[in-house]
Every structure is written in C-alpha cells, then in structure tokens.
C-alpha cells in the first residue's frame, strides 16, 4: 500500500501538465520521513554542467541517488522543492518532462517551484530537494 495519497482538488486548476500534484498526504503509524537536501546539476567531481537542461537532468539524478542511499524509491517522494534561476515557462516544461521520466504518467509529488536570482554556486541554474515518506516496521 502506498503511504502517500496525491490529490488534485477539482476546485483548483489541473497541475498534471506542469508535472506536480497540489497535495500529498501521508498518514499512519510508524512512518519514516526522509529529507534530501537540495541537489544541483553538478557531476560527481562537483563540476556544473553547462546548460539548464543538462543541470536539470543531473540535479534529478543526484536527488534520486541521494534518496536511494536512504533506501527511498521515487514513489516514496511526497514533495519536491525546485529553485530555478531566471525561470521561464520553457524551463517549467523541461522540468515537467524530466519529472515524467522519473514518475511516468502517474500523478507527481506535491511541488513548489521558486524562481530565484541565483543559487549557491556561480553558474548553478537549478536545485531540487525532496521529502519522502516510508512505512517503518512496527516492533512490539
């Protein structure tokens, strides 16, 4: 059973084309919360890739690697926070395409996208953090 229920209320616009859900609900006993720090478009050696699209893909791959290190699968992600330098609708569509690569046609996690003037490193164009929830075994 999935611990995360994704909801797109009919009173709000349909966020599916933009690659996210309005609400993620997690409830139950013995839940495990996993918080992945913001991941940028740096390769393993810490070098930033040159374009937004390349940094986006790398940031998502880095986020998935961070989550996997904690035993978390993409389906456990309840929420993402995306910070984008010089945001445009074109970049929004690229993000949606990459989220489709990770989550497929299913509803995407809740997401907040924040346009920012700059990020931590010179040349850094995107940063993505994730919150995941898993069920913990109940011990007596």
Protein backbone atom coordinates (compact mmCIF):
# COMPACT_ATOMS: atom_id res chain seq x y z
CA UNK A 1 0.00 0.00 0.00
CA UNK A 2 1.34 3.42 -0.93
CA UNK A 3 1.64 5.67 2.12
CA UNK A 4 1.30 8.80 0.04
CA UNK A 5 -2.04 9.91 -1.36
CA UNK A 6 -1.71 12.52 -4.10
CA UNK A 7 -4.70 14.83 -4.56
CA UNK A 8 -5.64 17.38 -7.19
CA UNK A 9 -8.82 19.02 -5.88
CA UNK A 10 -11.39 19.88 -8.55
CA UNK A 11 -11.62 23.42 -7.10
CA UNK A 12 -8.02 24.07 -8.26
CA UNK A 13 -6.53 24.11 -11.74
CA UNK A 14 -5.13 20.86 -13.14
CA UNK A 15 -1.37 20.79 -12.36
CA UNK A 16 -0.71 17.50 -14.17
CA UNK A 17 0.59 19.16 -17.38
CA UNK A 18 3.13 21.04 -15.24
CA UNK A 19 4.37 17.87 -13.56
CA UNK A 20 3.13 18.04 -9.96
CA UNK A 21 0.20 17.45 -7.61
CA UNK A 22 -1.36 20.07 -5.34
CA UNK A 23 -1.41 17.97 -2.16
CA UNK A 24 0.45 14.96 -0.76
CA UNK A 25 -0.97 13.27 2.33
CA UNK A 26 0.92 10.71 4.40
CA UNK A 27 -0.56 9.13 7.46
CA UNK A 28 -0.24 6.04 9.55
CA UNK A 29 1.75 4.53 12.34
CA UNK A 30 5.49 4.07 12.25
CA UNK A 31 6.28 6.38 9.33
CA UNK A 32 9.83 7.16 8.23
CA UNK A 33 10.44 10.69 6.96
CA UNK A 34 13.41 11.19 4.62
CA UNK A 35 14.58 14.71 3.72
CA UNK A 36 17.01 15.06 0.83
CA UNK A 37 18.92 18.34 0.69
CA UNK A 38 18.77 20.41 -2.45
CA UNK A 39 20.68 18.80 -5.28
CA UNK A 40 22.17 20.80 -8.12
CA UNK A 41 23.45 20.00 -11.57
CA UNK A 42 26.98 19.04 -10.50
CA UNK A 43 28.64 15.86 -11.67
CA UNK A 44 30.46 13.54 -9.28
CA UNK A 45 33.55 15.77 -9.36
CA UNK A 46 31.49 18.85 -8.44
CA UNK A 47 31.56 20.40 -11.92
CA UNK A 48 28.39 22.12 -13.07
CA UNK A 49 27.10 21.05 -16.46
CA UNK A 50 26.82 23.89 -19.00
CA UNK A 51 23.10 24.11 -19.88
CA UNK A 52 19.87 24.30 -17.90
CA UNK A 53 18.57 21.04 -19.41
CA UNK A 54 21.79 19.19 -18.53
CA UNK A 55 21.83 20.61 -15.00
CA UNK A 56 18.15 19.72 -14.58
CA UNK A 57 18.71 16.09 -15.53
CA UNK A 58 21.82 15.88 -13.34
CA UNK A 59 20.02 17.51 -10.38
CA UNK A 60 17.22 14.95 -10.65
CA UNK A 61 19.69 12.08 -10.98
CA UNK A 62 21.57 13.44 -7.95
CA UNK A 63 18.30 13.69 -6.00
CA UNK A 64 17.45 10.08 -6.90
CA UNK A 65 20.94 8.93 -5.84
CA UNK A 66 20.60 10.74 -2.51
CA UNK A 67 17.20 9.15 -1.92
CA UNK A 68 18.43 5.70 -2.97
CA UNK A 69 21.24 5.98 -0.40
CA UNK A 70 18.49 6.19 2.22
CA UNK A 71 16.59 3.28 0.68
CA UNK A 72 13.95 5.52 -0.89
CA UNK A 73 12.30 4.92 -4.28
CA UNK A 74 10.79 7.70 -6.42
CA UNK A 75 7.29 6.54 -5.47
CA UNK A 76 8.05 7.38 -1.83
CA UNK A 77 8.56 11.08 -2.63
CA UNK A 78 5.73 13.20 -1.24
CA UNK A 79 7.06 16.67 -2.09
CA UNK A 80 9.75 18.43 -4.07
CA UNK A 81 11.03 21.98 -3.87
CA UNK A 82 12.56 23.31 -7.07
CA UNK A 83 14.63 26.50 -7.19
CA UNK A 84 15.23 27.90 -10.68
CA UNK A 85 17.45 30.81 -11.75
CA UNK A 86 15.85 33.07 -14.40
CA UNK A 87 12.71 30.93 -14.54
CA UNK A 88 10.67 30.76 -17.76
CA UNK A 89 7.73 28.67 -18.92
CA UNK A 90 10.14 26.85 -21.24
CA UNK A 91 12.11 25.74 -18.16
CA UNK A 92 8.85 24.72 -16.47
CA UNK A 93 8.07 22.42 -19.40
CA UNK A 94 11.57 20.91 -19.23
CA UNK A 95 11.04 20.19 -15.54
CA UNK A 96 7.71 18.52 -16.33
CA UNK A 97 9.39 16.35 -18.98
CA UNK A 98 12.08 15.25 -16.55
CA UNK A 99 9.53 14.54 -13.83
CA UNK A 100 7.69 12.38 -16.39
CA UNK A 101 10.97 10.48 -16.91
CA UNK A 102 11.12 9.72 -13.17
CA UNK A 103 7.45 9.24 -12.25
CA UNK A 104 5.96 8.30 -15.62
CA UNK A 105 2.28 9.02 -16.27
CA UNK A 106 1.32 8.74 -12.58
CA UNK A 107 0.49 11.82 -10.54
CA UNK A 108 3.63 13.65 -9.49
CA UNK A 109 4.53 14.60 -5.91
CA UNK A 110 3.43 17.93 -4.48
CA UNK A 111 5.88 20.60 -5.67
CA UNK A 112 6.75 24.21 -5.11
CA UNK A 113 8.82 25.94 -7.77
CA UNK A 114 10.57 29.13 -6.64
CA UNK A 115 12.23 31.47 -9.15
CA UNK A 116 15.44 32.84 -7.64
CA UNK A 117 18.07 35.37 -8.76
CA UNK A 118 20.95 32.97 -8.03
CA UNK A 119 21.89 29.81 -6.18
CA UNK A 120 24.83 28.74 -4.02
CA UNK A 121 27.41 28.35 -6.81
CA UNK A 122 28.27 30.62 -9.71
CA UNK A 123 26.62 29.13 -12.79
CA UNK A 124 24.22 26.92 -10.81
CA UNK A 125 20.83 27.10 -12.58
CA UNK A 126 18.61 24.68 -10.63
CA UNK A 127 18.36 22.98 -7.25
CA UNK A 128 15.87 20.27 -6.26
CA UNK A 129 15.13 18.91 -2.80
CA UNK A 130 12.79 16.09 -1.90
CA UNK A 131 10.75 14.87 1.06
CA UNK A 132 9.90 11.17 1.13
CA UNK A 133 7.82 9.05 3.48
CA UNK A 134 8.04 5.31 4.11
CA UNK A 135 6.38 2.87 6.46
CA UNK A 136 8.59 1.60 9.27
CA UNK A 137 8.15 -1.95 10.57
CA UNK A 138 6.25 -1.94 13.86
CA UNK A 139 8.13 -3.68 16.62
CA UNK A 140 6.44 -4.91 19.75
